[in-house]
N, C-alpha and C. Protein backbone atom coordinates (compact mmCIF):
# COMPACT_ATOMS: atom_id res chain seq x y z
N UNK A 1 0.58 -0.89 -15.74
CA UNK A 1 0.72 0.44 -15.02
C UNK A 1 0.83 -0.06 -13.55
N UNK A 2 1.75 0.45 -12.86
CA UNK A 2 1.82 0.30 -11.66
C UNK A 2 1.51 1.30 -10.71
N UNK A 3 0.83 1.09 -9.40
CA UNK A 3 0.37 2.12 -8.89
C UNK A 3 1.39 3.04 -8.13
N UNK A 4 2.78 2.27 -7.85
CA UNK A 4 3.79 3.16 -7.45
C UNK A 4 5.11 2.78 -8.34
N UNK A 5 5.65 4.13 -8.81
CA UNK A 5 6.82 3.93 -9.58
C UNK A 5 8.09 3.30 -8.84
N UNK A 6 8.94 2.64 -9.68
CA UNK A 6 10.17 1.86 -9.12
C UNK A 6 10.84 2.55 -8.24
N UNK A 7 11.20 3.95 -8.88
CA UNK A 7 11.93 4.84 -7.85
C UNK A 7 11.45 5.15 -6.48
N UNK A 8 10.10 5.40 -6.66
CA UNK A 8 9.59 5.59 -5.22
C UNK A 8 9.58 4.50 -4.31
N UNK A 9 9.19 3.45 -4.89
CA UNK A 9 9.34 2.10 -3.96
C UNK A 9 10.71 2.14 -3.53
N UNK A 10 11.59 2.19 -4.02
CA UNK A 10 13.00 2.03 -3.72
C UNK A 10 13.47 3.10 -2.56
N UNK A 11 13.10 4.43 -2.79
CA UNK A 11 13.24 5.31 -1.97
C UNK A 11 12.51 5.23 -0.61
N UNK A 12 11.15 4.72 -0.82
CA UNK A 12 10.48 4.47 0.63
C UNK A 12 10.91 3.34 1.39
N UNK A 13 11.38 2.22 0.77
CA UNK A 13 12.07 1.23 1.40
C UNK A 13 13.37 1.77 1.92
N UNK A 14 14.17 2.54 1.33
CA UNK A 14 15.48 2.81 2.04
C UNK A 14 15.25 4.05 3.18
N UNK A 15 14.29 4.84 2.96
CA UNK A 15 14.04 5.75 4.07
C UNK A 15 13.32 5.32 5.08
N UNK A 16 12.44 4.37 4.89
CA UNK A 16 11.43 3.76 6.23
C UNK A 16 12.32 2.78 6.99
N UNK A 17 13.23 2.02 6.32
CA UNK A 17 14.02 0.94 6.88
C UNK A 17 15.41 0.93 6.68
N UNK A 18 15.97 1.63 5.92
CA UNK A 18 17.32 1.62 5.44
C UNK A 18 17.78 0.45 4.69
N UNK A 19 16.85 -0.33 4.09
CA UNK A 19 16.78 -1.50 3.19
C UNK A 19 16.79 -1.08 1.73
N UNK A 20 17.75 -1.70 1.00
CA UNK A 20 17.83 -1.75 -0.39
C UNK A 20 16.99 -2.75 -0.98
N UNK A 21 16.50 -2.46 -2.20
CA UNK A 21 15.97 -3.68 -2.98
C UNK A 21 16.27 -3.45 -4.34
N UNK A 22 16.49 -4.88 -4.99
CA UNK A 22 16.94 -5.00 -6.12
C UNK A 22 16.02 -4.62 -7.16
N UNK A 23 16.20 -3.99 -8.47
CA UNK A 23 15.37 -3.81 -9.52
C UNK A 23 14.42 -4.90 -9.72
N UNK A 24 14.84 -6.12 -9.69
CA UNK A 24 14.08 -7.38 -9.95
C UNK A 24 12.94 -7.33 -9.04
N UNK A 25 12.97 -6.85 -7.79
CA UNK A 25 11.97 -7.13 -6.82
C UNK A 25 11.02 -6.11 -6.67
N UNK A 26 11.33 -4.83 -7.59
CA UNK A 26 10.44 -3.80 -7.28
C UNK A 26 9.24 -4.07 -8.17
N UNK A 27 9.25 -4.84 -9.20
CA UNK A 27 7.89 -5.18 -9.78
C UNK A 27 6.99 -6.18 -9.03
N UNK A 28 7.81 -7.05 -8.24
CA UNK A 28 7.23 -8.05 -7.27
C UNK A 28 6.44 -7.15 -6.27
N UNK A 29 7.18 -6.26 -5.61
CA UNK A 29 6.63 -5.16 -4.56
C UNK A 29 5.30 -4.49 -5.02
N UNK A 30 5.71 -3.96 -6.31
CA UNK A 30 4.25 -3.22 -6.89
C UNK A 30 3.14 -4.14 -7.09
N UNK A 31 3.49 -5.35 -7.51
CA UNK A 31 2.11 -6.12 -7.59
C UNK A 31 1.50 -6.32 -6.32
N UNK A 32 2.12 -6.75 -5.29
CA UNK A 32 1.79 -6.75 -3.76
C UNK A 32 1.00 -5.64 -3.41
N UNK A 33 1.63 -4.40 -3.65
CA UNK A 33 0.73 -3.30 -3.14
C UNK A 33 -0.43 -3.02 -4.28
N UNK A 34 -0.34 -3.33 -5.13
CA UNK A 34 -1.61 -3.13 -6.17
C UNK A 34 -2.42 -3.96 -5.40
N UNK A 35 -2.20 -5.33 -5.39
CA UNK A 35 -3.26 -6.24 -5.03
C UNK A 35 -3.88 -5.90 -3.35
N UNK A 36 -2.87 -5.48 -2.54
CA UNK A 36 -3.45 -5.00 -1.41
C UNK A 36 -4.37 -3.98 -1.16
N UNK A 37 -4.11 -2.83 -2.15
CA UNK A 37 -4.95 -1.75 -2.40
C UNK A 37 -6.20 -2.12 -2.72
N UNK A 38 -6.14 -2.96 -3.80
CA UNK A 38 -7.50 -3.40 -4.40
C UNK A 38 -8.12 -4.12 -3.30
N UNK A 39 -7.60 -5.09 -2.66
CA UNK A 39 -8.26 -5.49 -1.51
C UNK A 39 -8.96 -4.71 -0.52
N UNK A 40 -8.30 -3.70 -0.20
CA UNK A 40 -8.88 -2.66 0.72
C UNK A 40 -10.28 -2.06 0.14
N UNK A 41 -10.08 -1.69 -1.18
CA UNK A 41 -11.17 -0.77 -1.96
C UNK A 41 -12.33 -2.16 -2.16
N UNK A 42 -12.06 -3.26 -2.20
CA UNK A 42 -13.24 -4.20 -2.27
C UNK A 42 -13.94 -4.60 -1.02
N UNK A 43 -13.15 -4.38 0.14
CA UNK A 43 -14.01 -4.67 1.35
C UNK A 43 -14.66 -3.17 1.56
N UNK A 44 -14.28 -2.24 1.18
CA UNK A 44 -14.78 -0.82 1.32
C UNK A 44 -16.03 -0.94 0.51
N UNK A 45 -16.05 -1.39 -0.72
CA UNK A 45 -17.25 -1.64 -1.53
C UNK A 45 -18.14 -2.23 -0.92
N UNK A 46 -17.76 -3.45 -0.25
CA UNK A 46 -18.65 -4.32 0.35
C UNK A 46 -19.47 -3.63 1.70
N UNK A 47 -18.52 -3.01 2.10
CA UNK A 47 -19.17 -2.27 3.50
C UNK A 47 -20.14 -0.92 3.13
N UNK A 48 -19.73 -0.27 1.93
CA UNK A 48 -20.77 0.72 1.25
C UNK A 48 -22.06 0.03 0.92
N UNK A 49 -21.91 -1.09 0.25
CA UNK A 49 -23.15 -1.77 -0.22
C UNK A 49 -24.07 -2.24 0.95
N UNK A 50 -23.26 -2.85 2.13
CA UNK A 50 -24.16 -3.18 3.32
C UNK A 50 -24.92 -2.00 3.85
N UNK A 51 -24.23 -0.65 3.84
CA UNK A 51 -24.86 0.35 4.38
C UNK A 51 -25.92 1.12 3.38
N UNK A 52 -25.98 0.54 1.94
CA UNK A 52 -27.02 1.09 1.10
C UNK A 52 -26.36 2.10 0.55
N UNK A 53 -25.14 2.28 0.25
CA UNK A 53 -24.54 3.18 -0.71
C UNK A 53 -23.96 2.73 -1.66
N UNK A 54 -23.86 3.50 -2.81
CA UNK A 54 -23.12 3.08 -4.00
C UNK A 54 -21.73 3.87 -4.12
N UNK A 55 -21.24 4.62 -3.06
CA UNK A 55 -20.00 5.27 -2.87
C UNK A 55 -19.28 4.73 -1.92
N UNK A 56 -17.92 4.49 -1.93
CA UNK A 56 -17.04 4.12 -0.89
C UNK A 56 -16.65 5.14 -0.11
N UNK A 57 -16.87 5.08 1.14
CA UNK A 57 -16.49 6.19 2.14
C UNK A 57 -15.18 5.87 2.57
N UNK A 58 -14.10 6.65 3.03
CA UNK A 58 -12.92 6.47 3.63
C UNK A 58 -13.26 5.40 4.91
N UNK A 59 -14.20 5.74 5.62
CA UNK A 59 -14.53 4.97 6.71
C UNK A 59 -14.96 3.60 6.57
N UNK A 60 -15.23 3.07 5.27
CA UNK A 60 -15.47 2.02 4.71
C UNK A 60 -14.31 0.88 4.55
N UNK A 61 -13.11 1.63 4.56
CA UNK A 61 -12.08 0.69 4.40
C UNK A 61 -11.68 0.22 6.03
N UNK A 62 -11.25 -1.26 5.89
CA UNK A 62 -11.08 -1.71 7.16
C UNK A 62 -9.58 -1.52 7.53
N UNK A 63 -9.38 -0.19 7.78
CA UNK A 63 -8.06 0.24 8.35
C UNK A 63 -7.89 0.02 9.86
N UNK A 64 -7.25 -0.79 10.32
CA UNK A 64 -6.91 -1.02 11.62
C UNK A 64 -6.31 0.11 12.43
N UNK A 65 -6.25 0.12 13.61
CA UNK A 65 -5.49 1.13 14.56
C UNK A 65 -3.93 0.98 14.20
N UNK A 66 -3.29 -0.09 14.00
CA UNK A 66 -1.99 -0.24 13.74
C UNK A 66 -1.60 0.47 12.30
N UNK A 67 -2.56 0.17 11.35
CA UNK A 67 -2.28 0.75 9.84
C UNK A 67 -2.41 2.19 10.17
N UNK A 68 -3.42 2.64 10.87
CA UNK A 68 -3.47 4.16 10.84
C UNK A 68 -2.46 4.89 11.56
N UNK A 69 -1.86 4.03 12.53
CA UNK A 69 -0.41 4.52 13.24
C UNK A 69 0.74 4.54 12.23
N UNK A 70 0.50 3.46 11.37
CA UNK A 70 1.45 3.25 10.17
C UNK A 70 1.47 4.63 9.14
N UNK A 71 0.27 4.85 9.01
CA UNK A 71 -0.19 6.21 8.09
C UNK A 71 0.62 7.45 8.53
N UNK A 72 0.58 7.48 10.02
CA UNK A 72 1.12 8.53 10.59
C UNK A 72 2.58 8.58 10.37
N UNK A 73 3.17 7.38 10.55
CA UNK A 73 4.73 7.23 10.44
C UNK A 73 5.19 7.41 8.95
N UNK A 74 4.32 7.01 8.09
CA UNK A 74 4.61 7.18 6.60
C UNK A 74 4.40 8.84 6.52
N UNK A 75 3.78 9.58 6.85
CA UNK A 75 3.46 10.92 6.41
C UNK A 75 4.68 11.70 7.20
N UNK A 76 5.17 11.23 8.30
CA UNK A 76 6.50 11.60 9.00
C UNK A 76 7.61 11.42 8.20
N UNK A 77 7.74 10.55 7.33
CA UNK A 77 8.88 10.51 6.42
C UNK A 77 8.80 11.54 5.36
N UNK A 78 7.77 12.30 5.10
CA UNK A 78 7.63 13.32 4.23
C UNK A 78 7.90 12.82 2.81
N UNK A 79 7.54 11.85 2.57
CA UNK A 79 7.62 11.17 1.11
C UNK A 79 6.21 11.06 0.64
N UNK A 80 5.87 11.84 -0.46
CA UNK A 80 4.68 11.87 -0.96
C UNK A 80 4.61 10.81 -2.37
N UNK A 81 3.38 10.51 -2.56
CA UNK A 81 3.24 9.77 -3.75
C UNK A 81 2.11 10.87 -4.69
N UNK A 82 2.50 10.66 -5.94
CA UNK A 82 1.48 11.31 -6.90
C UNK A 82 0.12 11.08 -6.85
N UNK A 83 -0.79 11.67 -6.23
CA UNK A 83 -2.34 11.20 -6.20
C UNK A 83 -2.77 11.03 -7.53
N UNK A 84 -2.42 11.89 -8.52
CA UNK A 84 -3.14 11.46 -9.88
C UNK A 84 -2.63 10.27 -10.29
N UNK A 85 -1.07 9.69 -9.98
CA UNK A 85 -0.90 8.58 -10.50
C UNK A 85 -1.45 7.30 -10.03
N UNK A 86 -1.95 7.64 -8.45
CA UNK A 86 -2.90 6.61 -8.04
C UNK A 86 -4.44 6.64 -8.72
N UNK A 87 -4.75 7.69 -8.67
CA UNK A 87 -6.31 7.66 -9.18
C UNK A 87 -6.46 7.10 -10.76
N UNK A 88 -5.02 7.38 -11.59
CA UNK A 88 -5.09 7.00 -12.82
C UNK A 88 -4.83 5.31 -12.87
N UNK A 89 -4.24 4.91 -11.92
CA UNK A 89 -4.06 3.45 -11.72
C UNK A 89 -5.20 2.67 -11.34
N UNK A 90 -6.07 3.32 -10.48
CA UNK A 90 -7.41 2.76 -10.16
C UNK A 90 -8.36 2.49 -11.29
N UNK A 91 -8.01 3.32 -12.24
CA UNK A 91 -8.97 3.30 -13.68
C UNK A 91 -8.64 1.83 -14.30
N UNK A 92 -7.37 1.23 -13.85
CA UNK A 92 -7.10 0.01 -14.51
C UNK A 92 -7.63 -1.09 -13.82
N UNK A 93 -8.20 -0.97 -12.71
CA UNK A 93 -8.61 -2.05 -11.92
C UNK A 93 -10.41 -2.36 -12.34
N UNK A 94 -10.44 -3.62 -11.72
CA UNK A 94 -11.91 -3.89 -12.26
C UNK A 94 -12.95 -2.76 -11.62
N UNK A 95 -14.16 -2.58 -12.42
CA UNK A 95 -14.75 -1.58 -11.80
C UNK A 95 -15.35 -1.83 -10.35
N UNK A 96 -15.19 -0.58 -9.51
CA UNK A 96 -15.49 -0.58 -8.14
C UNK A 96 -16.70 0.62 -8.05
N UNK A 97 -17.28 0.80 -6.86
CA UNK A 97 -18.21 1.96 -6.67
C UNK A 97 -17.28 3.28 -6.98
N UNK A 98 -17.92 4.13 -7.02
CA UNK A 98 -17.37 5.69 -7.01
C UNK A 98 -16.61 5.61 -5.68
N UNK A 99 -15.69 6.66 -5.66
CA UNK A 99 -15.07 6.90 -4.10
C UNK A 99 -15.30 8.31 -3.64
N UNK A 100 -15.79 8.59 -2.41
CA UNK A 100 -15.83 9.82 -1.73
C UNK A 100 -14.86 10.59 -2.01
N UNK A 101 -14.68 11.92 -2.01
CA UNK A 101 -13.42 12.79 -2.16
C UNK A 101 -12.79 12.67 -1.18
N UNK A 102 -12.94 12.43 0.19
CA UNK A 102 -12.04 12.25 1.29
C UNK A 102 -11.03 10.97 0.85
N UNK A 103 -11.77 10.07 0.35
CA UNK A 103 -10.93 8.47 0.20
C UNK A 103 -10.04 8.96 -1.15
N UNK A 104 -10.59 9.58 -1.82
CA UNK A 104 -9.77 9.77 -3.31
C UNK A 104 -8.49 10.65 -2.77
N UNK A 105 -8.99 11.66 -1.91
CA UNK A 105 -7.58 12.49 -1.48
C UNK A 105 -6.63 11.70 -0.72
N UNK A 106 -6.99 10.65 0.14
CA UNK A 106 -6.19 9.86 0.83
C UNK A 106 -5.70 8.56 0.29
N UNK A 107 -6.13 8.34 -0.84
CA UNK A 107 -5.63 7.15 -1.72
C UNK A 107 -4.04 6.95 -1.87
N UNK A 108 -3.46 8.23 -2.05
CA UNK A 108 -1.92 8.15 -2.21
C UNK A 108 -1.18 7.69 -1.02
N UNK A 109 -1.99 8.37 0.30
CA UNK A 109 -1.33 8.03 1.39
C UNK A 109 -1.66 6.75 2.08
N UNK A 110 -2.75 5.92 1.55
CA UNK A 110 -3.09 4.61 1.90
C UNK A 110 -1.83 3.79 1.09
N UNK A 111 -1.66 3.99 -0.21
CA UNK A 111 -0.81 3.16 -0.94
C UNK A 111 0.70 3.41 -0.44
N UNK A 112 0.98 4.63 0.00
CA UNK A 112 2.42 4.83 0.56
C UNK A 112 2.44 3.96 2.02
N UNK A 113 1.28 3.90 2.57
CA UNK A 113 1.51 3.20 4.03
C UNK A 113 1.60 1.75 3.54
N UNK A 114 0.85 1.27 2.49
CA UNK A 114 1.08 -0.16 2.27
C UNK A 114 2.62 -0.46 1.86
N UNK A 115 3.15 0.44 1.26
CA UNK A 115 4.79 0.30 0.91
C UNK A 115 5.50 0.41 2.23
N UNK A 116 5.28 1.32 3.09
CA UNK A 116 5.78 1.43 4.42
C UNK A 116 5.63 0.22 5.41
N UNK A 117 4.57 -0.14 5.42
CA UNK A 117 4.19 -1.58 6.17
C UNK A 117 5.00 -2.74 5.43
N UNK A 118 4.94 -3.02 4.20
CA UNK A 118 5.67 -4.21 3.81
C UNK A 118 7.01 -4.02 3.93
N UNK A 119 7.71 -2.73 3.76
CA UNK A 119 9.07 -2.63 4.01
C UNK A 119 9.43 -2.82 5.51
N UNK A 120 8.61 -2.67 6.54
CA UNK A 120 9.03 -2.63 7.89
C UNK A 120 8.73 -4.21 8.19
N UNK A 121 7.84 -4.83 7.52
CA UNK A 121 7.84 -6.60 7.88
C UNK A 121 9.06 -6.93 7.33
N UNK A 122 9.32 -6.67 5.97
CA UNK A 122 10.71 -7.15 5.33
C UNK A 122 11.93 -6.93 6.22
N UNK A 123 11.90 -5.77 6.99
CA UNK A 123 13.11 -5.48 7.74
C UNK A 123 13.14 -6.49 8.98
N UNK A 124 11.98 -6.88 9.37
CA UNK A 124 12.18 -7.88 10.60
C UNK A 124 12.69 -9.16 10.02
N UNK A 125 12.54 -9.63 8.75
CA UNK A 125 13.37 -10.80 8.40
C UNK A 125 14.80 -10.45 7.77
N UNK A 126 15.21 -9.32 7.63
CA UNK A 126 16.37 -8.83 6.91
C UNK A 126 17.19 -8.10 8.30
N UNK A 127 17.14 -8.62 9.29
CA UNK A 127 17.92 -7.84 10.48
C UNK A 127 19.02 -7.55 10.26
N UNK A 128 19.91 -8.47 9.66
CA UNK A 128 21.45 -8.28 9.52
C UNK A 128 22.05 -7.90 8.24
N UNK A 129 20.96 -7.84 7.32
CA UNK A 129 21.06 -7.49 5.90
C UNK A 129 20.69 -6.10 5.51
N UNK A 130 21.20 -5.56 4.38
CA UNK A 130 20.83 -4.37 3.98
C UNK A 130 20.22 -4.28 2.80
N UNK A 131 20.03 -5.58 2.13
CA UNK A 131 19.50 -5.84 0.82
C UNK A 131 18.23 -6.91 1.28
N UNK A 132 17.16 -6.72 0.88
CA UNK A 132 15.85 -7.62 0.93
C UNK A 132 16.37 -8.77 -0.02
N UNK A 133 16.19 -9.93 0.73
CA UNK A 133 16.30 -11.15 -0.13
C UNK A 133 14.90 -11.49 -0.71
N UNK A 134 14.99 -12.50 -1.77
CA UNK A 134 13.52 -12.94 -2.32
C UNK A 134 12.79 -13.86 -1.30
N UNK A 135 13.62 -14.57 -0.33
CA UNK A 135 12.77 -14.97 0.77
C UNK A 135 12.26 -14.23 1.87
N UNK A 136 12.99 -13.29 2.31
CA UNK A 136 12.30 -12.16 3.10
C UNK A 136 11.20 -11.44 2.42
N UNK A 137 11.12 -11.17 1.22
CA UNK A 137 10.11 -10.50 0.64
C UNK A 137 9.11 -11.19 0.57
N UNK A 138 9.01 -12.55 0.26
CA UNK A 138 7.93 -13.62 0.32
C UNK A 138 7.23 -13.74 1.56
N UNK A 139 8.12 -13.78 2.53
CA UNK A 139 7.76 -13.89 4.00
C UNK A 139 7.06 -12.57 4.27
N UNK A 140 7.47 -11.40 4.06
CA UNK A 140 6.84 -10.14 4.37
C UNK A 140 5.50 -10.13 3.74
N UNK A 141 5.37 -10.49 2.42
CA UNK A 141 4.21 -10.78 1.81
C UNK A 141 3.12 -11.42 2.28
N UNK A 142 3.72 -12.80 2.61
CA UNK A 142 2.68 -13.59 3.41
C UNK A 142 2.05 -12.97 4.67
N UNK A 143 2.81 -12.14 5.55
CA UNK A 143 2.34 -11.83 6.64
C UNK A 143 1.35 -10.51 6.29
N UNK A 144 1.88 -9.84 5.11
CA UNK A 144 0.78 -8.73 4.80
C UNK A 144 -0.42 -9.43 4.34
N UNK A 145 -0.61 -10.64 3.63
CA UNK A 145 -1.67 -11.13 2.94
C UNK A 145 -2.59 -11.63 4.35
N UNK A 146 -1.91 -12.01 5.39
CA UNK A 146 -2.60 -12.25 6.56
C UNK A 146 -3.34 -11.23 7.40
N UNK A 147 -2.81 -9.92 7.35
CA UNK A 147 -3.16 -9.01 8.08
C UNK A 147 -3.77 -7.90 7.27
N UNK A 148 -3.75 -7.65 6.14
CA UNK A 148 -4.51 -6.65 5.25
C UNK A 148 -5.43 -7.38 4.27
């Protein structure tokens, strides 16, 4: 089960950057987003543990100023992800601490922002193309792995 559906990933890439992605790349993108979302939650869990809590707060996630600015840009696209789909997907992840309500409510927005960020990184490599190549996507993934 993917955290974001194929049609939503395609729509977000197109709306955020004008780029098209092939059906074959959707699974790859979904896997990257799944992993990055889980990575954020793992760091959030470590921060909660450090602060003596067994609940992950929104403030425990390592969301940089640039990431938060991207969250606003994602919101400006007026593309929403189904929160319940994201919460259901989280049940398939290895067990984590419980999430506070604010973080649960922002989970879909965080996932959408990850898609938005990956799309914009890929756009930097696909300047003259309308379709994301496999190499461009791999380069975007490497940068996302270095920054998130």
